[in-house]
Amino acid sequence: MRVLLVDDHPVFREGMAAVLAGLPDVELVGEAGDGATALRLALELRPDVIVMDLHMPDLNGVETTREVTAALPDVAVLALTMLEGDASVAAAVRAGARGYLLKGSGRAEIAAALSAVAAGAAYFGRGVALSGLTAPSTRPKVGHPAFPGLTERELEVLALVAQGLSNAAIAARLHLSDKTVRNYVSTVLSKLDVRDRAAAVALARDHGIAG
C-alpha cells in the first residue's frame, strides 16, 4: 500500500511518518506540508492512499481532497483532524474523502483505517459525528434536468450565484479558495453559453434554481 502523508505541522508529520513506515505492507512514498505540494505529489506519485490534514493554510485539506479525487478518483483520501465534532470532516467526506481519523488515534486504528479505505470501504473513526452523511460512493448524485452538463458542484455554485453571493462569500460557504470559485464560475458561464453572471442568474431563475 503506497501512502502519501500531508500535514503542515512538521513535528506531527514526523511522528505520523514513523508510524506509517513501521506498518507492515505500507510504503510511505512521500510527504507534503501544504495542499499545493500534496496535489503535485499525488499526480506524480499516484499513491493508493493519501493521509490528509484538513487544516492547512492557503489550499486547505478539504479543497485539496476535492482536487485530488476529481483528478485521481482511484486514490483514497483519509482525512486527519485534531478536533472532535470538526465540521470540516463532513466537508471532506462530501469532497470525496473515504474516511477520517482523529490525530490521537493509535497504531492499530491507523492500520485499520488505511486498509479499509484502500479496499474501497469507508472508515469513520471515533469521536467525530457525521450526521446524515454516507460514504461518497453511496451518495446519490443530484443533477438538474435543465442543466445536464453541469456537475453537482457547478450546480451548487450556480445556485449561490443566483442568490447574489459574491465569489468570496461562495468560497467561505463551500470551503474553497477564491481562485477555485472563480474557475467554477467561469466554467459554469462557459457551459451555459452566457456572457456574464447576470445572464447566468436569469437563466438559473428561469429554471427554478432559487435566487
C-alpha atoms as a PDB file:
ATOM      1  CA  MET A   1       0.000   0.000   0.000  1.00  0.00           C
ATOM      2  CA  ARG A   2       1.628   3.249  -1.174  1.00  0.00           C
ATOM      3  CA  VAL A   3       0.826   6.175   1.131  1.00  0.00           C
ATOM      4  CA  LEU A   4       1.324   9.936   0.810  1.00  0.00           C
ATOM      5  CA  LEU A   5       1.268  11.897   4.077  1.00  0.00           C
ATOM      6  CA  VAL A   6       0.068  15.524   4.138  1.00  0.00           C
ATOM      7  CA  ASP A   7       0.299  17.717   7.249  1.00  0.00           C
ATOM      8  CA  ASP A   8       1.599  21.246   7.781  1.00  0.00           C
ATOM      9  CA  HIS A   9       2.958  20.609  11.294  1.00  0.00           C
ATOM     10  CA  PRO A  10       6.494  19.167  10.951  1.00  0.00           C
ATOM     11  CA  VAL A  11       6.602  17.531  14.382  1.00  0.00           C
ATOM     12  CA  PHE A  12       3.286  15.726  13.935  1.00  0.00           C
ATOM     13  CA  ARG A  13       4.190  14.786  10.360  1.00  0.00           C
ATOM     14  CA  GLU A  14       7.473  13.280  11.533  1.00  0.00           C
ATOM     15  CA  GLY A  15       5.717  11.202  14.170  1.00  0.00           C
ATOM     16  CA  MET A  16       2.984  10.009  11.802  1.00  0.00           C
ATOM     17  CA  ALA A  17       5.585   9.200   9.146  1.00  0.00           C
ATOM     18  CA  ALA A  18       7.385   6.974  11.646  1.00  0.00           C
ATOM     19  CA  VAL A  19       4.145   5.140  12.458  1.00  0.00           C
ATOM     20  CA  LEU A  20       3.281   4.654   8.786  1.00  0.00           C
ATOM     21  CA  ALA A  21       6.778   3.497   7.887  1.00  0.00           C
ATOM     22  CA  GLY A  22       6.578   0.896  10.651  1.00  0.00           C
ATOM     23  CA  LEU A  23       3.326  -0.659   9.479  1.00  0.00           C
ATOM     24  CA  PRO A  24       3.532  -3.929   7.530  1.00  0.00           C
ATOM     25  CA  ASP A  25       2.591  -3.690   3.854  1.00  0.00           C
ATOM     26  CA  VAL A  26       2.772   0.129   3.928  1.00  0.00           C
ATOM     27  CA  GLU A  27       5.244   2.134   1.860  1.00  0.00           C
ATOM     28  CA  LEU A  28       5.457   5.841   2.675  1.00  0.00           C
ATOM     29  CA  VAL A  29       6.149   7.265  -0.777  1.00  0.00           C
ATOM     30  CA  GLY A  30       6.084  10.970   0.041  1.00  0.00           C
ATOM     31  CA  GLU A  31       5.325  13.778   2.458  1.00  0.00           C
ATOM     32  CA  ALA A  32       3.852  17.234   1.915  1.00  0.00           C
ATOM     33  CA  GLY A  33       3.398  20.214   4.196  1.00  0.00           C
ATOM     34  CA  ASP A  34       0.762  22.054   2.170  1.00  0.00           C
ATOM     35  CA  GLY A  35      -2.096  21.404  -0.218  1.00  0.00           C
ATOM     36  CA  ALA A  36      -0.378  22.563  -3.399  1.00  0.00           C
ATOM     37  CA  THR A  37       2.578  20.253  -2.813  1.00  0.00           C
ATOM     38  CA  ALA A  38       0.198  17.433  -1.922  1.00  0.00           C
ATOM     39  CA  LEU A  39      -1.659  17.814  -5.200  1.00  0.00           C
ATOM     40  CA  ARG A  40       1.576  17.885  -7.186  1.00  0.00           C
ATOM     41  CA  LEU A  41       2.926  14.786  -5.434  1.00  0.00           C
ATOM     42  CA  ALA A  42      -0.372  12.958  -5.792  1.00  0.00           C
ATOM     43  CA  LEU A  43      -0.311  13.459  -9.547  1.00  0.00           C
ATOM     44  CA  GLU A  44       3.349  12.482  -9.699  1.00  0.00           C
ATOM     45  CA  LEU A  45       3.411   9.509  -7.327  1.00  0.00           C
ATOM     46  CA  ARG A  46      -0.134   8.106  -7.728  1.00  0.00           C
ATOM     47  CA  PRO A  47      -0.331   6.700  -4.171  1.00  0.00           C
ATOM     48  CA  ASP A  48      -3.016   4.258  -3.072  1.00  0.00           C
ATOM     49  CA  VAL A  49      -3.933   6.361  -0.024  1.00  0.00           C
ATOM     50  CA  ILE A  50      -3.387   9.992   0.962  1.00  0.00           C
ATOM     51  CA  VAL A  51      -3.483  10.747   4.689  1.00  0.00           C
ATOM     52  CA  MET A  52      -4.723  14.342   4.599  1.00  0.00           C
ATOM     53  CA  ASP A  53      -4.624  17.005   7.314  1.00  0.00           C
ATOM     54  CA  LEU A  54      -7.746  19.168   6.980  1.00  0.00           C
ATOM     55  CA  HIS A  55      -6.489  22.410   8.496  1.00  0.00           C
ATOM     56  CA  MET A  56      -3.724  23.912   6.376  1.00  0.00           C
ATOM     57  CA  PRO A  57      -3.168  27.487   5.188  1.00  0.00           C
ATOM     58  CA  ASP A  58      -3.917  28.533   1.599  1.00  0.00           C
ATOM     59  CA  LEU A  59      -5.124  25.328  -0.106  1.00  0.00           C
ATOM     60  CA  ASN A  60      -6.765  23.547   2.829  1.00  0.00           C
ATOM     61  CA  GLY A  61      -7.334  19.841   3.216  1.00  0.00           C
ATOM     62  CA  VAL A  62     -10.963  19.919   2.098  1.00  0.00           C
ATOM     63  CA  GLU A  63     -10.160  21.705  -1.142  1.00  0.00           C
ATOM     64  CA  THR A  64      -7.081  19.548  -1.739  1.00  0.00           C
ATOM     65  CA  THR A  65      -9.230  16.448  -1.249  1.00  0.00           C
ATOM     66  CA  ARG A  66     -11.714  17.743  -3.801  1.00  0.00           C
ATOM     67  CA  GLU A  67      -8.962  18.441  -6.338  1.00  0.00           C
ATOM     68  CA  VAL A  68      -7.259  15.082  -5.792  1.00  0.00           C
ATOM     69  CA  THR A  69     -10.415  12.978  -6.002  1.00  0.00           C
ATOM     70  CA  ALA A  70     -11.515  14.802  -9.146  1.00  0.00           C
ATOM     71  CA  ALA A  71      -8.164  14.199 -10.846  1.00  0.00           C
ATOM     72  CA  LEU A  72      -7.428  10.767  -9.364  1.00  0.00           C
ATOM     73  CA  PRO A  73     -10.696   9.049  -8.427  1.00  0.00           C
ATOM     74  CA  ASP A  74      -8.932   5.765  -7.606  1.00  0.00           C
ATOM     75  CA  VAL A  75      -6.820   7.380  -4.885  1.00  0.00           C
ATOM     76  CA  ALA A  76      -8.337   7.040  -1.411  1.00  0.00           C
ATOM     77  CA  VAL A  77      -8.170  10.054   0.910  1.00  0.00           C
ATOM     78  CA  LEU A  78      -8.151   9.521   4.664  1.00  0.00           C
ATOM     79  CA  ALA A  79      -8.790  12.810   6.468  1.00  0.00           C
ATOM     80  CA  LEU A  80      -6.998  13.722   9.681  1.00  0.00           C
ATOM     81  CA  THR A  81      -8.438  16.061  12.292  1.00  0.00           C
ATOM     82  CA  MET A  82      -7.420  17.152  15.761  1.00  0.00           C
ATOM     83  CA  LEU A  83     -10.902  18.133  16.930  1.00  0.00           C
ATOM     84  CA  GLU A  84     -13.952  16.090  17.818  1.00  0.00           C
ATOM     85  CA  GLY A  85     -17.068  17.499  16.173  1.00  0.00           C
ATOM     86  CA  ASP A  86     -14.989  19.113  13.407  1.00  0.00           C
ATOM     87  CA  ALA A  87     -17.351  20.412  10.703  1.00  0.00           C
ATOM     88  CA  SER A  88     -14.509  20.222   8.173  1.00  0.00           C
ATOM     89  CA  VAL A  89     -14.660  16.424   8.354  1.00  0.00           C
ATOM     90  CA  ALA A  90     -18.172  16.420   6.907  1.00  0.00           C
ATOM     91  CA  ALA A  91     -16.988  18.810   4.194  1.00  0.00           C
ATOM     92  CA  ALA A  92     -14.066  16.487   3.435  1.00  0.00           C
ATOM     93  CA  VAL A  93     -16.373  13.481   3.093  1.00  0.00           C
ATOM     94  CA  ARG A  94     -18.590  15.479   0.735  1.00  0.00           C
ATOM     95  CA  ALA A  95     -15.425  16.403  -1.187  1.00  0.00           C
ATOM     96  CA  GLY A  96     -14.581  12.725  -1.669  1.00  0.00           C
ATOM     97  CA  ALA A  97     -12.669  11.539   1.390  1.00  0.00           C
ATOM     98  CA  ARG A  98     -13.378   7.881   2.149  1.00  0.00           C
ATOM     99  CA  GLY A  99     -12.858   8.211   5.876  1.00  0.00           C
ATOM    100  CA  TYR A 100     -11.234  10.076   8.708  1.00  0.00           C
ATOM    101  CA  LEU A 101      -9.182   9.652  11.849  1.00  0.00           C
ATOM    102  CA  LEU A 102      -8.579  11.745  14.909  1.00  0.00           C
ATOM    103  CA  LYS A 103      -4.913  12.689  15.242  1.00  0.00           C
ATOM    104  CA  GLY A 104      -4.768  10.890  18.593  1.00  0.00           C
ATOM    105  CA  SER A 105      -5.604   7.524  17.012  1.00  0.00           C
ATOM    106  CA  GLY A 106      -3.391   4.573  17.875  1.00  0.00           C
ATOM    107  CA  ARG A 107      -1.296   2.430  15.565  1.00  0.00           C
ATOM    108  CA  ALA A 108      -3.917  -0.323  15.249  1.00  0.00           C
ATOM    109  CA  GLU A 109      -6.678   2.113  14.305  1.00  0.00           C
ATOM    110  CA  ILE A 110      -4.453   3.849  11.755  1.00  0.00           C
ATOM    111  CA  ALA A 111      -3.663   0.489  10.169  1.00  0.00           C
ATOM    112  CA  ALA A 112      -7.344  -0.489  10.099  1.00  0.00           C
ATOM    113  CA  ALA A 113      -8.335   2.818   8.523  1.00  0.00           C
ATOM    114  CA  LEU A 114      -5.678   2.559   5.812  1.00  0.00           C
ATOM    115  CA  SER A 115      -6.708  -0.995   4.959  1.00  0.00           C
ATOM    116  CA  ALA A 116     -10.388  -0.060   4.796  1.00  0.00           C
ATOM    117  CA  VAL A 117     -10.095   2.967   2.523  1.00  0.00           C
ATOM    118  CA  ALA A 118      -7.505   1.286   0.299  1.00  0.00           C
ATOM    119  CA  ALA A 119     -10.003  -1.531  -0.250  1.00  0.00           C
ATOM    120  CA  GLY A 120     -12.688   0.972  -1.257  1.00  0.00           C
ATOM    121  CA  ALA A 121     -14.602   0.946   2.017  1.00  0.00           C
ATOM    122  CA  ALA A 122     -15.462   3.894   4.233  1.00  0.00           C
ATOM    123  CA  TYR A 123     -13.794   4.306   7.602  1.00  0.00           C
ATOM    124  CA  PHE A 124     -15.313   6.627  10.203  1.00  0.00           C
ATOM    125  CA  GLY A 125     -13.119   6.962  13.266  1.00  0.00           C
ATOM    126  CA  ARG A 126     -14.371   7.520  16.758  1.00  0.00           C
ATOM    127  CA  GLY A 127     -15.200  10.953  18.083  1.00  0.00           C
ATOM    128  CA  VAL A 128     -16.432  12.866  15.027  1.00  0.00           C
ATOM    129  CA  ALA A 129     -20.130  12.946  14.234  1.00  0.00           C
ATOM    130  CA  LEU A 130     -21.122  12.913  10.556  1.00  0.00           C
ATOM    131  CA  SER A 131     -24.845  13.228  10.941  1.00  0.00           C
ATOM    132  CA  GLY A 132     -26.727  12.322   7.780  1.00  0.00           C
ATOM    133  CA  LEU A 133     -23.643  11.607   5.688  1.00  0.00           C
ATOM    134  CA  THR A 134     -22.829   8.394   3.902  1.00  0.00           C
ATOM    135  CA  ALA A 135     -19.729   7.308   2.061  1.00  0.00           C
ATOM    136  CA  PRO A 136     -19.204   9.246  -1.185  1.00  0.00           C
ATOM    137  CA  SER A 137     -19.605   6.125  -3.317  1.00  0.00           C
ATOM    138  CA  THR A 138     -23.096   5.513  -1.946  1.00  0.00           C
ATOM    139  CA  ARG A 139     -24.436   9.066  -2.060  1.00  0.00           C
ATOM    140  CA  PRO A 140     -26.778   9.729  -4.972  1.00  0.00           C
ATOM    141  CA  LYS A 141     -25.624  12.287  -7.496  1.00  0.00           C
ATOM    142  CA  VAL A 142     -28.123  15.096  -7.792  1.00  0.00           C
ATOM    143  CA  GLY A 143     -28.369  16.907 -11.105  1.00  0.00           C
ATOM    144  CA  HIS A 144     -30.804  19.262 -12.802  1.00  0.00           C
ATOM    145  CA  PRO A 145     -32.685  18.279 -15.952  1.00  0.00           C
ATOM    146  CA  ALA A 146     -32.305  21.754 -17.462  1.00  0.00           C
ATOM    147  CA  PHE A 147     -28.523  21.715 -17.000  1.00  0.00           C
ATOM    148  CA  PRO A 148     -27.326  18.150 -17.649  1.00  0.00           C
ATOM    149  CA  GLY A 149     -23.829  19.384 -18.490  1.00  0.00           C
ATOM    150  CA  LEU A 150     -23.220  20.829 -15.019  1.00  0.00           C
ATOM    151  CA  THR A 151     -21.683  18.785 -12.248  1.00  0.00           C
ATOM    152  CA  GLU A 152     -23.205  18.728  -8.770  1.00  0.00           C
ATOM    153  CA  ARG A 153     -20.616  21.232  -7.547  1.00  0.00           C
ATOM    154  CA  GLU A 154     -21.178  23.524 -10.546  1.00  0.00           C
ATOM    155  CA  LEU A 155     -24.925  23.495  -9.873  1.00  0.00           C
ATOM    156  CA  GLU A 156     -24.229  24.388  -6.257  1.00  0.00           C
ATOM    157  CA  VAL A 157     -22.061  27.324  -7.333  1.00  0.00           C
ATOM    158  CA  LEU A 158     -24.709  28.448  -9.827  1.00  0.00           C
ATOM    159  CA  ALA A 159     -27.390  28.387  -7.120  1.00  0.00           C
ATOM    160  CA  LEU A 160     -25.235  30.539  -4.837  1.00  0.00           C
ATOM    161  CA  VAL A 161     -24.511  32.966  -7.667  1.00  0.00           C
ATOM    162  CA  ALA A 162     -28.277  33.145  -8.255  1.00  0.00           C
ATOM    163  CA  GLN A 163     -28.702  34.051  -4.580  1.00  0.00           C
ATOM    164  CA  GLY A 164     -26.465  37.064  -5.147  1.00  0.00           C
ATOM    165  CA  LEU A 165     -23.413  35.793  -3.269  1.00  0.00           C
ATOM    166  CA  SER A 166     -20.008  37.137  -4.226  1.00  0.00           C
ATOM    167  CA  ASN A 167     -17.125  34.825  -5.092  1.00  0.00           C
ATOM    168  CA  ALA A 168     -15.637  35.461  -1.650  1.00  0.00           C
ATOM    169  CA  ALA A 169     -18.909  34.569   0.067  1.00  0.00           C
ATOM    170  CA  ILE A 170     -19.256  31.408  -2.037  1.00  0.00           C
ATOM    171  CA  ALA A 171     -15.680  30.452  -1.192  1.00  0.00           C
ATOM    172  CA  ALA A 172     -16.385  30.801   2.515  1.00  0.00           C
ATOM    173  CA  ARG A 173     -19.630  28.832   2.249  1.00  0.00           C
ATOM    174  CA  LEU A 174     -18.076  25.928   0.319  1.00  0.00           C
ATOM    175  CA  HIS A 175     -14.649  25.898   1.990  1.00  0.00           C
ATOM    176  CA  LEU A 176     -12.928  26.754  -1.296  1.00  0.00           C
ATOM    177  CA  SER A 177     -10.350  29.348  -2.303  1.00  0.00           C
ATOM    178  CA  ASP A 178     -11.429  32.466  -4.188  1.00  0.00           C
ATOM    179  CA  LYS A 179      -9.436  31.253  -7.199  1.00  0.00           C
ATOM    180  CA  THR A 180     -11.250  27.919  -7.271  1.00  0.00           C
ATOM    181  CA  VAL A 181     -14.626  29.660  -7.112  1.00  0.00           C
ATOM    182  CA  ARG A 182     -13.622  31.985  -9.961  1.00  0.00           C
ATOM    183  CA  ASN A 183     -12.718  28.920 -12.004  1.00  0.00           C
ATOM    184  CA  TYR A 184     -16.056  27.276 -11.222  1.00  0.00           C
ATOM    185  CA  VAL A 185     -17.988  30.420 -12.167  1.00  0.00           C
ATOM    186  CA  SER A 186     -16.048  30.722 -15.427  1.00  0.00           C
ATOM    187  CA  THR A 187     -16.756  27.067 -16.235  1.00  0.00           C
ATOM    188  CA  VAL A 188     -20.463  27.488 -15.474  1.00  0.00           C
ATOM    189  CA  LEU A 189     -20.735  30.552 -17.711  1.00  0.00           C
ATOM    190  CA  SER A 190     -18.971  28.685 -20.498  1.00  0.00           C
ATOM    191  CA  LYS A 191     -21.175  25.593 -20.184  1.00  0.00           C
ATOM    192  CA  LEU A 192     -24.332  27.720 -20.089  1.00  0.00           C
ATOM    193  CA  ASP A 193     -23.057  29.727 -23.071  1.00  0.00           C
ATOM    194  CA  VAL A 194     -23.774  33.052 -21.385  1.00  0.00           C
ATOM    195  CA  ARG A 195     -21.610  36.170 -21.262  1.00  0.00           C
ATOM    196  CA  ASP A 196     -21.858  37.218 -17.643  1.00  0.00           C
ATOM    197  CA  ARG A 197     -23.182  36.439 -14.157  1.00  0.00           C
ATOM    198  CA  ALA A 198     -26.398  38.375 -14.724  1.00  0.00           C
ATOM    199  CA  ALA A 199     -27.300  36.194 -17.691  1.00  0.00           C
ATOM    200  CA  ALA A 200     -26.461  33.061 -15.690  1.00  0.00           C
ATOM    201  CA  VAL A 201     -28.643  34.250 -12.825  1.00  0.00           C
ATOM    202  CA  ALA A 202     -31.564  34.935 -15.163  1.00  0.00           C
ATOM    203  CA  LEU A 203     -31.225  31.506 -16.741  1.00  0.00           C
ATOM    204  CA  ALA A 204     -30.973  29.806 -13.357  1.00  0.00           C
ATOM    205  CA  ARG A 205     -34.080  31.537 -12.060  1.00  0.00           C
ATOM    206  CA  ASP A 206     -35.993  30.716 -15.247  1.00  0.00           C
ATOM    207  CA  HIS A 207     -35.390  27.046 -14.474  1.00  0.00           C
ATOM    208  CA  GLY A 208     -36.265  27.127 -10.803  1.00  0.00           C
ATOM    209  CA  ILE A 209     -32.838  27.443  -9.254  1.00  0.00           C
ATOM    210  CA  ALA A 210     -33.544  29.715  -6.296  1.00  0.00           C
ATOM    211  CA  GLY A 211     -32.250  33.230  -6.374  1.00  0.00           C
END
